[in-house]
Protein backbone atom coordinates (compact mmCIF):
# COMPACT_ATOMS: atom_id res chain seq x y z
CA MET A 1 -34.87 5.16 -57.70
CA LYS A 2 -31.70 5.53 -55.52
CA LYS A 3 -31.09 2.93 -52.83
CA VAL A 4 -31.76 3.65 -49.24
CA LEU A 5 -29.80 1.98 -46.27
CA LEU A 6 -32.75 1.02 -44.10
CA LEU A 7 -30.46 0.07 -41.09
CA LEU A 8 -27.59 2.13 -41.48
CA GLY A 9 -27.56 3.34 -37.91
CA ILE A 10 -28.34 -0.32 -36.56
CA LEU A 11 -25.33 -1.69 -38.54
CA GLY A 12 -22.76 1.03 -38.60
CA VAL A 13 -20.03 1.56 -40.98
CA ALA A 14 -18.88 -2.35 -41.21
CA GLY A 15 -22.76 -3.75 -41.22
CA ALA A 16 -24.94 -3.77 -44.17
CA GLY A 17 -28.59 -2.58 -44.38
CA ILE A 18 -31.48 -3.59 -46.28
CA VAL A 19 -31.75 -1.86 -49.83
CA ALA A 20 -34.91 -1.10 -51.45
CA VAL A 21 -36.13 1.25 -54.01
CA THR A 22 -39.77 2.54 -54.87
CA LYS A 23 -41.60 0.43 -57.25
CA GLU A 24 -42.40 1.52 -60.80
CA THR A 25 -43.66 -0.92 -63.58
CA GLY A 26 -41.25 -1.56 -66.18
CA ASN A 27 -39.63 -4.22 -68.20
CA ALA A 28 -36.42 -5.77 -67.12
CA ALA A 29 -35.06 -6.24 -70.63
CA ALA A 30 -34.77 -2.60 -71.09
CA ALA A 31 -32.59 -2.08 -68.45
CA PRO A 32 -29.70 -4.97 -68.04
CA GLY A 33 -28.06 -5.80 -64.83
CA GLY A 34 -27.60 -8.70 -62.48
CA ILE A 35 -30.01 -11.43 -61.43
CA ALA A 36 -30.10 -13.85 -58.75
CA THR A 37 -32.00 -17.01 -57.91
CA VAL A 38 -34.14 -17.61 -54.81
CA GLU A 39 -32.35 -20.25 -52.73
CA ASN A 40 -33.33 -22.11 -49.58
CA GLY A 41 -30.29 -22.84 -47.49
CA ASP A 42 -27.96 -21.48 -44.94
CA PHE A 43 -26.34 -18.11 -44.25
CA ARG A 44 -24.53 -16.38 -41.69
CA ILE A 45 -25.04 -13.10 -39.72
CA THR A 46 -21.82 -11.48 -39.07
CA VAL A 47 -20.13 -7.95 -37.68
CA ILE A 48 -17.07 -7.16 -39.79
CA GLU A 49 -14.47 -4.51 -38.31
CA GLU A 50 -11.01 -3.49 -38.81
CA GLY A 51 -9.02 -4.62 -35.68
CA THR A 52 -5.03 -4.44 -34.26
CA PHE A 53 -3.31 -7.47 -32.76
CA ALA A 54 -2.02 -6.95 -29.29
CA ALA A 55 -0.21 -8.95 -26.80
CA LYS A 56 -2.50 -11.10 -24.68
CA ASP A 57 0.26 -10.66 -22.08
CA TRP A 58 2.56 -8.08 -21.56
CA VAL A 59 5.31 -6.61 -19.10
CA SER A 60 5.54 -2.52 -18.63
CA LEU A 61 8.74 -1.52 -17.56
CA ALA A 62 9.77 1.56 -15.66
CA VAL A 63 12.81 2.86 -13.89
CA ASN A 64 11.05 1.69 -10.76
CA CYS A 65 13.14 3.59 -7.85
CA GLU A 66 12.04 3.12 -4.40
CA VAL A 67 13.28 6.14 -2.47
CA PHE A 68 15.03 8.28 -5.28
CA TRP A 69 12.94 10.96 -6.70
CA ALA A 70 13.99 12.92 -9.62
CA GLU A 71 13.78 13.56 -13.05
CA LEU A 72 15.87 11.05 -15.06
CA THR A 73 17.96 11.54 -18.09
CA ILE A 74 18.41 8.47 -20.38
CA VAL A 75 22.03 7.74 -21.49
CA SER A 76 21.34 4.73 -23.32
CA ILE A 77 18.38 3.02 -25.25
CA VAL A 78 17.63 -0.05 -27.06
CA LYS A 79 16.04 0.68 -30.33
CA GLU A 80 12.33 0.03 -30.62
CA GLY A 81 11.38 -3.24 -32.19
CA THR A 82 14.38 -5.16 -31.16
CA ASN A 83 14.16 -8.70 -30.08
CA VAL A 84 15.54 -8.94 -26.69
CA LYS A 85 16.46 -11.99 -24.33
CA GLN A 86 15.88 -12.05 -20.51
CA GLY A 87 18.76 -9.86 -18.52
CA ASP A 88 19.39 -7.47 -21.31
CA ILE A 89 20.02 -3.93 -20.65
CA LEU A 90 17.17 -1.99 -22.05
CA MET A 91 17.60 1.34 -20.83
CA GLU A 92 20.17 3.06 -18.60
CA VAL A 93 19.78 6.45 -16.96
CA ASP A 94 22.13 8.97 -15.57
CA SER A 95 23.01 8.01 -12.03
CA SER A 96 25.39 10.50 -10.87
CA GLN A 97 22.74 12.36 -8.44
CA LEU A 98 21.95 9.34 -7.15
CA ARG A 99 25.49 8.50 -6.38
CA GLN A 100 25.88 11.67 -4.60
CA GLN A 101 22.92 10.75 -2.25
CA ILE A 102 24.46 7.41 -1.67
CA GLY A 103 27.94 9.21 -0.53
CA GLN A 104 25.86 11.56 1.78
CA GLN A 105 23.71 8.70 3.07
CA GLU A 106 27.06 6.92 3.89
CA LEU A 107 28.18 9.43 6.05
CA GLU A 108 24.65 9.75 7.82
CA VAL A 109 24.93 5.92 8.70
CA GLN A 110 28.34 6.67 10.04
CA VAL A 111 26.76 9.20 12.22
CA GLY A 112 23.98 6.90 13.24
CA MET A 113 26.73 4.17 14.29
CA ASN A 114 28.71 7.10 16.57
CA GLU A 115 25.20 7.90 18.17
CA LEU A 116 24.39 4.42 19.00
CA MET A 117 28.04 3.90 20.37
CA LYS A 118 27.56 7.12 22.67
CA ALA A 119 24.29 5.79 23.77
CA GLU A 120 25.23 2.12 24.65
CA GLU A 121 27.99 3.74 26.46
CA ASP A 122 26.00 6.06 28.46
CA LEU A 123 23.74 3.01 29.34
CA LYS A 124 26.62 1.06 30.55
CA VAL A 125 27.97 4.00 32.66
CA GLN A 126 24.49 4.64 34.25
CA ARG A 127 24.17 0.79 35.14
CA LEU A 128 27.24 0.93 37.03
CA GLN A 129 26.51 4.14 38.60
CA ASN A 130 22.83 2.64 39.57
CA GLN A 131 24.59 -0.29 41.06
CA LEU A 132 26.84 2.00 43.43
CA ASP A 133 23.75 4.07 44.33
CA LYS A 134 21.87 0.96 44.97
CA GLU A 135 24.27 -0.34 47.17
CA ARG A 136 24.77 3.04 49.09
CA LEU A 137 21.09 3.29 49.54
CA ALA A 138 20.91 -0.32 50.92
CA ASN A 139 23.53 0.49 53.29
CA ASP A 140 22.11 3.90 54.69
CA LEU A 141 18.60 2.09 54.75
CA GLU A 142 20.20 -0.75 56.90
CA ASP A 143 22.28 1.80 59.08
CA ALA A 144 19.14 3.34 59.98
CA LYS A 145 17.41 0.09 60.78
CA LEU A 146 20.41 -0.64 62.92
CA ASP A 147 20.36 2.43 64.65
CA LEU A 148 16.76 2.05 65.75
CA GLU A 149 17.07 -1.51 66.70
CA SER A 150 20.12 -0.82 68.82
CA TRP A 151 18.61 2.15 70.52
CA ILE A 152 15.69 -0.10 71.54
CA GLU A 153 17.30 -3.06 72.21
CA LYS A 154 20.51 -1.70 73.79
CA GLU A 155 21.20 2.06 74.15
CA ALA A 156 17.75 2.88 75.84
CA PRO A 157 17.64 0.00 78.24
CA LYS A 158 21.43 0.95 79.16
CA LYS A 159 20.61 4.56 79.88
CA VAL A 160 17.67 3.22 82.12
CA LYS A 161 20.09 0.90 83.90
CA ASP A 162 22.63 3.75 84.16
CA ALA A 163 19.85 5.83 85.69
CA ASP A 164 19.14 3.17 88.25
CA SER A 165 22.84 2.88 89.38
CA ARG A 166 22.85 6.52 89.78
CA ILE A 167 19.84 6.83 91.80
CA ALA A 168 21.12 3.59 93.90
CA GLU A 169 24.40 5.59 94.39
CA ALA A 170 22.60 8.70 95.31
CA GLN A 171 20.19 6.83 97.75
CA THR A 172 23.27 5.20 99.37
CA ALA A 173 25.36 8.36 99.79
CA TYR A 174 22.03 10.03 101.20
CA ALA A 175 21.66 7.31 103.63
CA ASP A 176 25.20 7.70 104.49
CA ALA A 177 24.94 11.26 105.19
CA GLU A 178 22.18 10.87 107.10
CA ASP A 179 23.53 8.58 109.31
CA GLU A 180 26.60 10.54 109.34
CA TYR A 181 24.54 13.90 110.03
CA LYS A 182 22.71 12.06 113.07
CA MET A 183 26.00 10.69 114.53
CA PHE A 184 27.47 14.03 114.34
CA GLN A 185 24.38 15.70 115.98
CA GLN A 186 24.84 13.35 118.85
CA MET A 187 28.62 14.01 119.21
CA LEU A 188 27.85 17.87 119.13
CA LYS A 189 25.52 17.41 122.08
CA GLU A 190 28.33 15.73 124.02
CA ASP A 191 30.94 18.21 122.69
CA LEU A 192 32.88 15.62 120.82
CA ILE A 193 32.75 17.87 117.71
CA SER A 194 32.54 21.53 116.83
CA LYS A 195 29.67 23.26 115.52
CA ALA A 196 31.33 23.77 112.09
CA GLU A 197 31.79 19.96 111.78
CA ALA A 198 28.14 19.73 112.45
CA ARG A 199 27.22 22.06 109.59
CA ARG A 200 29.26 20.29 107.36
CA ALA A 201 27.42 16.93 108.15
CA GLU A 202 24.26 18.77 107.67
CA THR A 203 25.47 20.47 104.35
CA LYS A 204 26.48 17.02 102.93
CA LEU A 205 23.28 15.53 104.06
CA GLU A 206 21.35 18.15 101.98
CA LYS A 207 23.60 17.77 99.09
CA THR A 208 23.26 13.97 99.16
CA ARG A 209 19.31 14.37 99.51
CA ALA A 210 19.13 17.01 96.32
CA ASP A 211 21.57 14.26 94.35
CA TYR A 212 19.17 11.34 95.16
CA GLU A 213 16.40 13.66 94.12
CA SER A 214 18.01 14.59 90.76
CA ALA A 215 18.88 11.30 90.03
CA LYS A 216 15.38 9.86 90.19
CA LEU A 217 14.09 13.08 88.38
CA SER A 218 16.66 12.07 85.68
CA LYS A 219 15.50 8.74 85.52
CA ASP A 220 11.94 9.95 85.26
CA GLN A 221 12.74 12.20 82.69
CA LEU A 222 14.53 9.79 80.56
CA GLU A 223 11.78 7.15 80.70
CA LYS A 224 8.92 9.65 80.09
CA TYR A 225 10.47 11.71 77.52
CA ASP A 226 14.07 11.15 76.41
CA ILE A 227 13.58 7.75 75.31
CA PRO A 228 10.28 7.95 73.48
CA ARG A 229 11.67 11.12 71.67
CA GLU A 230 14.78 9.39 70.50
CA THR A 231 12.94 6.36 69.61
CA ARG A 232 10.44 8.32 67.47
CA HIS A 233 13.26 10.14 65.89
CA LEU A 234 15.09 7.02 64.86
CA GLU A 235 11.90 5.37 63.65
CA PHE A 236 11.16 8.34 61.63
CA ALA A 237 14.71 8.58 60.40
CA ALA A 238 14.27 5.11 59.38
CA ALA A 239 10.90 5.67 57.74
CA ASP A 240 12.55 8.77 55.88
CA LYS A 241 15.60 6.50 54.52
CA LYS A 242 12.82 3.42 53.45
CA LEU A 243 10.81 6.34 51.36
CA TYR A 244 14.04 7.78 50.06
CA HIS A 245 15.23 4.40 49.13
CA ASP A 246 12.09 3.50 47.29
CA SER A 247 11.76 6.64 45.51
CA LYS A 248 15.57 6.82 44.18
CA LEU A 249 15.16 3.19 43.28
CA THR A 250 12.35 4.11 40.87
CA ALA A 251 14.60 7.12 40.00
CA LEU A 252 17.31 5.13 39.05
CA GLU A 253 15.04 2.57 36.91
CA SER A 254 13.75 5.49 35.31
CA GLU A 255 17.26 6.79 34.26
CA ILE A 256 17.87 3.39 32.97
CA ALA A 257 14.70 2.84 31.12
CA GLN A 258 15.68 6.48 29.67
CA LYS A 259 19.07 5.27 28.56
CA GLU A 260 17.90 2.18 27.16
CA ALA A 261 15.26 4.06 25.23
CA ASN A 262 18.06 6.39 23.97
CA VAL A 263 19.68 3.26 22.74
CA LEU A 264 16.65 1.97 21.11
CA LYS A 265 15.98 5.35 19.29
CA ALA A 266 19.51 5.60 18.20
CA MET A 267 19.54 1.89 16.99
CA ARG A 268 16.33 2.60 14.95
CA ALA A 269 17.87 5.62 13.37
CA LYS A 270 20.98 3.84 12.50
CA GLU A 271 18.76 1.11 10.98
CA GLN A 272 16.43 3.38 9.23
CA ARG A 273 19.71 5.34 7.63
CA GLU A 274 20.98 1.87 6.65
CA ASP A 275 17.83 0.63 5.00
CA HIS A 276 17.64 3.96 3.22
CA LEU A 277 21.21 3.38 1.95
CA ARG A 278 20.51 0.11 0.82
CA LYS A 279 17.42 1.29 -0.71
CA LEU A 280 19.56 3.92 -2.78
CA LYS A 281 21.97 1.31 -3.64
CA ALA A 282 19.15 -0.87 -4.68
CA ASP A 283 17.67 1.98 -6.85
CA LEU A 284 21.39 2.49 -8.38
CA GLU A 285 20.65 -1.05 -9.79
CA ARG A 286 17.48 -0.05 -11.05
CA MET A 287 19.12 3.00 -13.03
CA LYS A 288 19.56 -0.05 -15.82
CA VAL A 289 16.26 -1.39 -16.95
CA ARG A 290 16.57 -5.05 -17.85
CA ALA A 291 14.43 -7.33 -19.87
CA PRO A 292 12.77 -9.59 -17.55
CA ARG A 293 11.96 -12.31 -20.25
CA ASP A 294 12.45 -12.63 -24.10
CA GLY A 295 10.31 -10.52 -26.27
CA ILE A 296 10.36 -7.73 -28.72
CA LEU A 297 10.73 -3.99 -27.32
CA LEU A 298 8.17 -1.60 -27.60
CA TYR A 299 8.41 2.25 -26.41
CA GLY A 300 5.48 3.41 -24.09
CA GLY A 301 3.00 1.45 -21.92
CA GLU A 302 0.27 -0.80 -23.36
CA GLN A 303 -1.66 2.51 -24.26
CA ARG A 304 1.47 3.73 -25.94
CA MET A 305 -0.10 6.13 -28.48
CA ALA A 306 -1.94 7.92 -25.88
CA ASP A 307 1.25 9.73 -24.81
CA GLN A 308 3.02 11.09 -27.54
CA GLU A 309 5.40 13.38 -25.18
CA LEU A 310 6.71 10.33 -23.61
CA LEU A 311 7.54 8.70 -27.07
CA LYS A 312 9.35 11.53 -27.90
CA ASN A 313 11.47 11.68 -24.72
CA LEU A 314 12.60 7.87 -25.40
CA LYS A 315 15.76 8.92 -26.76
CA ILE A 316 19.38 9.62 -25.44
CA GLY A 317 19.27 12.81 -23.62
CA GLY A 318 15.69 12.70 -23.11
CA ARG A 319 13.95 13.24 -19.83
CA ILE A 320 11.47 10.88 -17.83
CA GLN A 321 9.71 10.25 -14.63
CA ALA A 322 10.57 7.46 -12.18
CA ARG A 323 8.21 4.84 -11.80
CA ASN A 324 6.58 5.71 -14.93
CA PRO A 325 5.95 3.06 -17.30
CA VAL A 326 7.99 3.64 -20.28
CA LEU A 327 8.95 0.39 -22.09
CA THR A 328 6.75 -2.56 -22.96
CA ILE A 329 7.66 -6.47 -23.74
CA PRO A 330 4.61 -8.20 -25.29
CA SER A 331 4.56 -11.90 -25.06
CA LEU A 332 4.61 -13.33 -28.60
CA SER A 333 3.09 -16.61 -27.51
CA SER A 334 -0.58 -15.47 -27.29
CA PHE A 335 -2.56 -12.53 -28.83
CA ARG A 336 -5.80 -10.69 -28.76
CA VAL A 337 -7.25 -8.26 -31.12
CA THR A 338 -8.41 -5.10 -30.20
CA LEU A 339 -11.29 -3.22 -32.47
CA SER A 340 -13.96 -0.83 -32.18
CA VAL A 341 -17.58 -1.58 -32.99
CA ASN A 342 -20.60 0.77 -34.29
CA GLU A 343 -23.24 1.81 -31.96
CA GLY A 344 -25.57 -0.13 -34.25
CA ASP A 345 -23.68 -3.69 -33.86
CA VAL A 346 -22.63 -3.28 -30.33
CA HIS A 347 -25.77 -4.82 -28.91
CA LYS A 348 -25.33 -7.95 -31.40
CA VAL A 349 -21.92 -8.77 -29.88
CA GLN A 350 -21.55 -10.81 -27.01
CA GLN A 351 -18.68 -12.55 -24.76
CA GLY A 352 -17.95 -15.83 -26.20
CA GLN A 353 -19.17 -15.38 -29.96
CA THR A 354 -16.55 -17.00 -32.29
CA ALA A 355 -14.68 -14.83 -34.87
CA GLU A 356 -12.47 -15.03 -38.02
CA ILE A 357 -9.52 -12.84 -38.06
CA ARG A 358 -7.73 -12.53 -41.30
CA PRO A 359 -4.15 -10.61 -40.80
CA GLU A 360 -3.67 -7.85 -43.81
CA ALA A 361 -0.08 -8.52 -43.81
CA ILE A 362 -0.31 -12.38 -44.45
CA PRO A 363 -2.69 -13.28 -47.13
CA ASN A 364 -4.63 -16.44 -46.94
CA MET A 365 -4.14 -16.79 -43.20
CA VAL A 366 -7.24 -17.11 -40.81
CA PHE A 367 -7.13 -17.29 -37.45
CA GLY A 368 -10.04 -18.29 -34.95
CA GLY A 369 -11.10 -16.26 -32.11
CA LYS A 370 -13.53 -15.81 -29.36
CA VAL A 371 -14.82 -12.40 -27.98
CA SER A 372 -13.63 -11.69 -24.48
CA LYS A 373 -14.67 -8.25 -23.82
CA VAL A 374 -17.33 -6.06 -25.01
CA SER A 375 -17.46 -2.23 -23.49
CA ARG A 376 -20.79 -0.88 -22.97
CA ILE A 377 -19.19 2.76 -22.78
CA SER A 378 -18.72 4.76 -25.83
CA GLY A 379 -15.49 6.95 -26.17
CA GLY A 380 -11.87 6.76 -26.16
CA ASN A 381 -9.09 8.34 -28.46
CA GLN A 382 -10.01 6.43 -31.55
CA ASP A 383 -13.76 7.85 -31.19
CA TRP A 384 -12.86 11.20 -30.77
CA TRP A 385 -13.54 12.36 -34.18
CA ALA A 386 -16.53 10.40 -34.80
CA MET A 387 -18.33 12.25 -31.77
CA MET A 388 -16.94 15.70 -32.65
CA SER A 389 -18.31 15.20 -36.37
CA GLY A 390 -21.53 14.05 -35.01
CA GLY A 391 -21.15 10.31 -36.23
CA ALA A 392 -22.08 7.18 -34.62
CA GLY A 393 -20.16 6.37 -31.44
CA ARG A 394 -18.09 3.26 -31.25
CA PHE A 395 -17.38 0.59 -28.49
CA ALA A 396 -14.31 -1.41 -27.57
CA VAL A 397 -14.33 -4.97 -28.19
CA GLU A 398 -11.40 -7.50 -27.59
CA VAL A 399 -11.19 -11.00 -29.30
CA GLU A 400 -8.72 -13.72 -28.00
CA VAL A 401 -6.88 -15.10 -30.76
CA GLU A 402 -6.66 -18.86 -30.98
CA GLY A 403 -3.25 -20.15 -32.32
CA VAL A 404 0.17 -18.01 -33.04
CA ASP A 405 1.98 -17.51 -35.75
CA SER A 406 5.72 -16.11 -35.69
CA ARG A 407 5.09 -13.49 -38.35
CA ILE A 408 2.33 -11.77 -36.27
CA CYS A 409 3.75 -8.78 -34.30
CA PRO A 410 1.90 -6.13 -31.92
CA GLY A 411 0.34 -3.28 -33.90
CA MET A 412 -0.48 -5.38 -37.05
CA LYS A 413 -3.69 -4.73 -38.77
CA CYS A 414 -6.47 -7.57 -39.43
CA LYS A 415 -10.18 -7.86 -40.40
CA VAL A 416 -12.07 -9.45 -37.90
CA GLU A 417 -15.67 -11.13 -38.63
CA ILE A 418 -17.67 -12.00 -35.51
CA LEU A 419 -20.31 -14.69 -35.90
CA ILE A 420 -23.48 -13.24 -34.65
CA GLU A 421 -25.94 -16.15 -35.66
CA GLU A 422 -26.01 -18.96 -38.16
CA ILE A 423 -29.47 -19.28 -40.27
CA LYS A 424 -30.17 -22.44 -41.05
CA GLY A 425 -32.67 -23.55 -43.80
CA VAL A 426 -34.24 -20.63 -44.80
CA LEU A 427 -35.44 -18.86 -48.17
CA HIS A 428 -33.09 -15.97 -48.98
CA VAL A 429 -31.90 -13.62 -51.71
CA PRO A 430 -28.96 -11.25 -52.19
CA PHE A 431 -29.53 -8.24 -50.08
CA ASP A 432 -29.38 -6.22 -53.20
CA ALA A 433 -32.54 -7.83 -54.57
CA VAL A 434 -34.97 -6.26 -51.99
CA PHE A 435 -36.15 -2.69 -52.33
CA ASP A 436 -38.40 -0.46 -50.81
CA ARG A 437 -41.58 1.64 -51.95
CA GLU A 438 -43.67 3.67 -49.69
CA GLY A 439 -42.42 1.57 -46.71
CA LYS A 440 -42.98 -1.80 -48.00
CA SER A 441 -40.37 -4.18 -49.26
CA LEU A 442 -40.63 -5.73 -52.76
CA CYS A 443 -38.47 -7.97 -55.26
CA TYR A 444 -38.66 -7.76 -58.81
CA ILE A 445 -39.36 -11.03 -60.27
CA LEU A 446 -37.86 -11.90 -63.91
CA ASP A 447 -40.63 -13.90 -66.01
CA HIS A 448 -40.20 -14.46 -69.69
CA GLY A 449 -38.06 -11.29 -69.97
CA LYS A 450 -40.30 -9.11 -67.94
CA ALA A 451 -39.53 -7.70 -64.42
CA GLU A 452 -42.76 -7.84 -62.29
CA PRO A 453 -42.78 -6.18 -58.57
CA ARG A 454 -43.88 -8.42 -55.88
CA ILE A 455 -44.32 -7.42 -52.30
CA VAL A 456 -42.20 -9.39 -49.68
CA LYS A 457 -41.75 -9.95 -46.08
CA THR A 458 -38.40 -9.89 -44.81
CA GLY A 459 -36.56 -11.41 -41.80
CA ARG A 460 -33.11 -11.60 -40.51
CA PHE A 461 -30.20 -10.60 -42.58
CA SER A 462 -26.61 -10.24 -43.37
CA HIS A 463 -24.28 -7.52 -45.02
CA ASP A 464 -24.84 -9.75 -48.27
CA VAL A 465 -28.11 -12.03 -47.88
CA ILE A 466 -31.54 -11.30 -46.52
CA GLU A 467 -34.36 -13.95 -45.40
CA ILE A 468 -37.55 -14.09 -47.12
CA LEU A 469 -40.49 -14.83 -44.86
CA GLU A 470 -43.13 -14.53 -47.46
CA GLY A 471 -43.83 -13.61 -51.25
CA LEU A 472 -40.97 -15.69 -52.90
CA LYS A 473 -40.57 -19.08 -53.88
CA VAL A 474 -37.47 -21.54 -54.28
CA GLY A 475 -36.10 -21.10 -58.04
CA GLU A 476 -37.69 -18.00 -58.91
CA THR A 477 -35.44 -15.40 -60.60
CA VAL A 478 -35.03 -11.90 -59.12
CA THR A 479 -33.03 -8.80 -60.36
CA LEU A 480 -30.19 -7.18 -58.43
CA TYR A 481 -30.97 -3.84 -60.03
CA ASP A 482 -34.00 -1.24 -59.99
CA PRO A 483 -35.70 -1.57 -63.59
CA MET A 484 -37.61 1.57 -62.92
CA GLN A 485 -34.19 3.56 -62.93
CA ALA A 486 -33.02 1.55 -65.97
CA ASN A 487 -36.03 2.92 -67.82
C-alpha cells in the first residue's frame, strides 16, 4: 500500500507527517528493506524551513529634499554591493533646476529686504510726524484752557469793572447835568440866560439820563447774557479741544501700530524668504546622497524586491522621486533571518524559541538563533502563488542570529531549524516504521525472519521520529517498509 502523510496539513512542506500502511499478512523475508530497533531515549521536535539573511539594523537613504519638489534625474550612482565608508557620495542627482530656484529665491530675499527697509522708514517718518502732531495738539488744548481761564479770571471781571466805570461816569454826568439844569432854570426865571440856553441844559440832562440808563442796561446785559454766553462758548471750545486731542492721540497711536505691524509683516516675509532660501541651499547639499556609516550598499529599501520599477531606475539617467527611499546600507554587525512557515506549523512557533541556522554558502557553519517575531496573518508577495494555486498559506517569521561572520551578507540563503520541543526518555521508532490500516496505527515486528503486524498507540513526533505510547518494547525490531507491498 502506498504511504499516506497523515499530518501533511499540520506540518506543511517542511514538516514531516506520520506514515502508515494498511496491514496485510505477509513475510518480511519475501520483501527486503530497512529495519530499525525500538529505542528508549531523547528526540527533538523541530520545524525546518529555508530562510534569508537580512541585516538586523539598516539605514534607508533618499534624496531628502525639504522644500524642493520635482522628479530627480540620477547623474551618478555607486555600484550595488560596493563596500562604502561613512561620508562617501553614493548617488548624485541633477541640481540645475534647484539652482535656478535658488537664484530666483535670492531675488525674492532682496525684494523682502527692500520692503522691510521701506516699512522701517515709514515707521520712522510716522513717529516724527506723531511727535509734531502731539505737540501741536497739546498746545491747542492748552490754549483753549488758557482762553477759558483768562476769560473767567481776567477778561470777564474786567468787562464788569469797565461797565461799572461807565455807569459811574454816566451817573456823575447825569448828576452834573441835573444840577446844571436846575441852575439854568433858576437863571431863566431871573432872565439871566436865554430860553435857548435853558433848553440846551434840558437836552443835556435828558442825554446824560439816557447814557446813565444805557450804562446800567449794558452792565445788566453783560452779567446776565454776554459773560455766561462767552464762558459757555469757551468751555465748549476747551472740551472740544480735549475730545479732539484724545481722539487724535488714539488715531496717531493706531497709525504707529499699523506702521509697526507693517514692519513686522515685512520682517516675517523677509525671514520666510531667507528661511526658504536656506532650505533650498540645504536641499542642494542633499542632491548628493552620502553614506551615514560604513557598510555595503544595496539598491532599494528594506523590501527592495517589492518595487522592481524603482530598481530599474537606479542608474545614470534614471528618474526617482524625492524623499522616496532608494538606497540601503545594512549593518553587518548583527543579522536576522526572515522565513515563512507553513500554516500547519505556525501555531507551534513561538517567540523565544531557539533555532539553528546553517548558511548554504558556508558549509559546516551553524549559528544559534532565537525567534523574535511570528506573524499571525498569512500573506505577502512570497505567498501569492501558493494562495492562487490553492496551496497552504504561509506566515512570516523572524529569527535573530547569535554571532556574526564576515562572510555573511544580506540576501544569503540558509536552512533554519526551530526547536519546538525536546522529548526526554520516551520509547520511539523511526517515522517510517509506523503505518496505517483502516484508521489504526501499526508496526511490523520482525521475529525469526517473519514480519508480524502489531497495533500501536503513537504520541509526539518530529520529521523523522515518532513516540510510541503502547504496543512496542525496547529492543524489538521493526521494518521500515510495507511487507505486503513487497509481496
